[in-house]
Amino acid sequence: MKRGLRTFLIILLIAILGAAYYLTFIYHPSCTDVGCFQNAMKKCSHATYVNEEPEASWKYDIQRSKGGACAIDVTLLQAKEGELSLDKLTGYSMLCSYPVGIFSYPEKDLDACHGRLKEEIQSILIKKLHTHIIENLGNLSDNLNTFSQGITQP
């Protein structure tokens, strides 16, 4: 009887430790609204949220708090519309870090992030900016010539 009780207690202890580990490190409850995600992000508690924007669907997975910062894994689930050509980036991720107590949509603040998704978004933005500059270079040159002629004439 004594041996059976000891075995039962050991199994119970292992089950409790396993459940605690699962709930602490593995289980990420899903938020169905932004309020739930906002509270989870401010507390840096494990949670997952899918943000359905008109231009894209983003998945946020709050990972952990380390050194006063909250780490959030951001994945582009689906590009819908817009000028950025995000459809090529579907499935890419980046890791963003925010101070505990702060709420922000990670894809709107790329300075707090690093990873392949951030690099690809920045690359697209740079290409678009370069194209815009080249397209407007003639107008800029005309404006500079007009400005410089106005300065040199008395």
Protein backbone atom coordinates (compact mmCIF):
# COMPACT_ATOMS: atom_id res chain seq x y z
CA MET A 1 0.00 0.00 0.00
CA LYS A 2 2.78 2.40 0.90
CA ARG A 3 4.60 1.74 -2.39
CA GLY A 4 1.40 2.31 -4.40
CA LEU A 5 0.82 5.65 -2.67
CA ARG A 6 4.38 6.76 -3.39
CA THR A 7 4.03 5.80 -7.07
CA PHE A 8 0.73 7.67 -7.27
CA LEU A 9 2.27 10.81 -5.71
CA ILE A 10 5.23 10.70 -8.10
CA ILE A 11 2.92 10.36 -11.11
CA LEU A 12 0.74 13.19 -9.79
CA LEU A 13 3.79 15.43 -9.28
CA ILE A 14 5.05 14.72 -12.80
CA ALA A 15 1.59 15.48 -14.21
CA ILE A 16 1.40 18.78 -12.30
CA LEU A 17 4.91 19.80 -13.42
CA GLY A 18 4.09 18.85 -17.01
CA ALA A 19 0.87 20.89 -16.95
CA ALA A 20 2.70 23.88 -15.43
CA TYR A 21 5.41 23.67 -18.11
CA TYR A 22 2.80 23.45 -20.87
CA LEU A 23 0.78 26.39 -19.58
CA THR A 24 3.88 28.51 -18.98
CA PHE A 25 5.97 27.88 -22.09
CA ILE A 26 3.89 26.21 -24.80
CA TYR A 27 0.21 27.16 -24.56
CA HIS A 28 -0.69 30.45 -26.22
CA PRO A 29 -4.35 31.39 -25.79
CA SER A 30 -5.96 32.95 -28.85
CA CYS A 31 -7.33 36.47 -28.65
CA THR A 32 -10.42 37.13 -30.74
CA ASP A 33 -10.31 40.92 -30.45
CA VAL A 34 -7.75 43.68 -30.26
CA GLY A 35 -8.62 44.47 -26.63
CA CYS A 36 -7.57 41.00 -25.52
CA PHE A 37 -4.33 41.27 -27.50
CA GLN A 38 -3.66 44.78 -26.18
CA ASN A 39 -3.97 43.58 -22.57
CA ALA A 40 -1.79 40.54 -23.25
CA MET A 41 0.88 42.67 -24.93
CA LYS A 42 0.94 45.21 -22.11
CA LYS A 43 1.41 42.38 -19.59
CA CYS A 44 3.62 40.39 -21.98
CA SER A 45 1.59 37.26 -21.34
CA HIS A 46 1.49 34.47 -23.91
CA ALA A 47 -1.22 35.05 -26.52
CA THR A 48 -1.85 34.74 -30.24
CA TYR A 49 -3.89 37.19 -32.31
CA VAL A 50 -4.70 37.50 -36.02
CA ASN A 51 -5.13 41.12 -37.10
CA GLU A 52 -7.28 41.40 -40.22
CA GLU A 53 -6.30 44.66 -41.92
CA PRO A 54 -7.68 45.73 -45.32
CA GLU A 55 -4.25 45.28 -46.93
CA ALA A 56 -3.04 42.17 -45.06
CA SER A 57 -3.63 39.58 -42.34
CA TRP A 58 -0.97 39.57 -39.61
CA LYS A 59 -0.44 36.93 -36.93
CA TYR A 60 1.05 38.07 -33.64
CA ASP A 61 2.45 35.55 -31.17
CA ILE A 62 3.61 37.03 -27.85
CA GLN A 63 6.65 34.99 -26.87
CA ARG A 64 8.25 36.14 -23.64
CA SER A 65 9.51 38.95 -21.48
CA LYS A 66 13.28 39.29 -21.26
CA GLY A 67 15.08 42.19 -19.63
CA GLY A 68 11.97 44.37 -19.48
CA ALA A 69 11.15 43.82 -23.16
CA CYS A 70 8.29 41.83 -24.65
CA ALA A 71 9.14 39.69 -27.71
CA ILE A 72 6.43 39.27 -30.35
CA ASP A 73 6.71 37.02 -33.38
CA VAL A 74 4.92 38.62 -36.36
CA THR A 75 3.99 36.62 -39.47
CA LEU A 76 2.36 37.89 -42.64
CA LEU A 77 -0.45 35.40 -43.25
CA GLN A 78 -2.00 36.92 -46.36
CA ALA A 79 -1.53 40.04 -48.45
CA LYS A 80 -4.85 41.39 -49.66
CA GLU A 81 -4.39 44.73 -51.42
CA GLY A 82 -2.21 47.80 -51.45
CA GLU A 83 0.77 49.26 -53.23
CA LEU A 84 3.56 47.49 -51.36
CA SER A 85 3.44 44.16 -53.22
CA LEU A 86 3.27 42.25 -49.95
CA ASP A 87 1.93 39.10 -51.64
CA LYS A 88 5.53 37.90 -52.21
CA LEU A 89 6.13 38.00 -48.44
CA THR A 90 3.33 35.66 -47.32
CA GLY A 91 4.64 33.34 -44.59
CA TYR A 92 7.66 35.51 -43.70
CA SER A 93 8.20 36.45 -40.06
CA MET A 94 10.03 38.99 -37.92
CA LEU A 95 10.63 39.30 -34.18
CA CYS A 96 9.67 42.59 -32.55
CA SER A 97 10.60 43.80 -29.08
CA TYR A 98 8.69 46.36 -27.01
CA PRO A 99 8.98 47.56 -23.42
CA VAL A 100 6.52 45.78 -21.12
CA GLY A 101 3.42 47.96 -20.68
CA ILE A 102 3.46 49.31 -24.25
CA PHE A 103 0.95 48.44 -26.99
CA SER A 104 1.66 48.96 -30.68
CA TYR A 105 0.91 47.14 -33.90
CA PRO A 106 4.34 45.64 -34.67
CA GLU A 107 4.17 45.99 -38.47
CA LYS A 108 3.65 49.75 -38.06
CA ASP A 109 6.90 50.19 -36.09
CA LEU A 110 9.63 48.33 -37.99
CA ASP A 111 12.40 49.95 -35.92
CA ALA A 112 11.47 47.61 -33.04
CA CYS A 113 11.75 44.51 -35.26
CA HIS A 114 14.34 42.32 -36.96
CA GLY A 115 14.11 39.37 -39.30
CA ARG A 116 13.39 38.40 -42.89
CA LEU A 117 9.95 40.05 -43.09
CA LYS A 118 11.35 43.42 -41.96
CA GLU A 119 14.22 43.20 -44.44
CA GLU A 120 11.89 42.39 -47.33
CA ILE A 121 9.41 45.17 -46.44
CA GLN A 122 12.27 47.67 -46.25
CA SER A 123 13.62 46.46 -49.58
CA ILE A 124 10.22 47.01 -51.23
CA LEU A 125 9.96 50.49 -49.67
CA ILE A 126 13.45 51.43 -50.88
CA LYS A 127 12.69 50.25 -54.42
CA LYS A 128 9.44 52.24 -54.45
CA LEU A 129 11.23 55.34 -53.13
CA HIS A 130 13.97 54.94 -55.74
CA THR A 131 11.38 54.66 -58.53
CA HIS A 132 9.54 57.72 -57.21
CA ILE A 133 12.77 59.75 -57.12
CA ILE A 134 13.75 58.72 -60.66
CA GLU A 135 10.26 59.54 -61.98
CA ASN A 136 10.36 62.98 -60.39
CA LEU A 137 14.02 63.80 -61.08
CA GLY A 138 13.10 65.83 -64.18
CA ASN A 139 10.66 67.97 -62.19
CA LEU A 140 13.26 68.46 -59.46
CA SER A 141 15.88 69.52 -62.00
CA ASP A 142 13.48 72.03 -63.61
CA ASN A 143 12.60 73.46 -60.19
CA LEU A 144 16.28 73.79 -59.23
CA ASN A 145 17.10 75.54 -62.52
CA THR A 146 14.22 77.98 -62.04
CA PHE A 147 15.30 78.60 -58.43
CA SER A 148 18.97 79.13 -59.34
CA GLN A 149 18.06 81.53 -62.17
CA GLY A 150 15.99 83.57 -59.71
CA ILE A 151 18.98 83.82 -57.35
CA THR A 152 21.53 84.90 -59.99
CA GLN A 153 19.35 87.61 -61.51
CA PRO A 154 19.37 90.96 -59.71
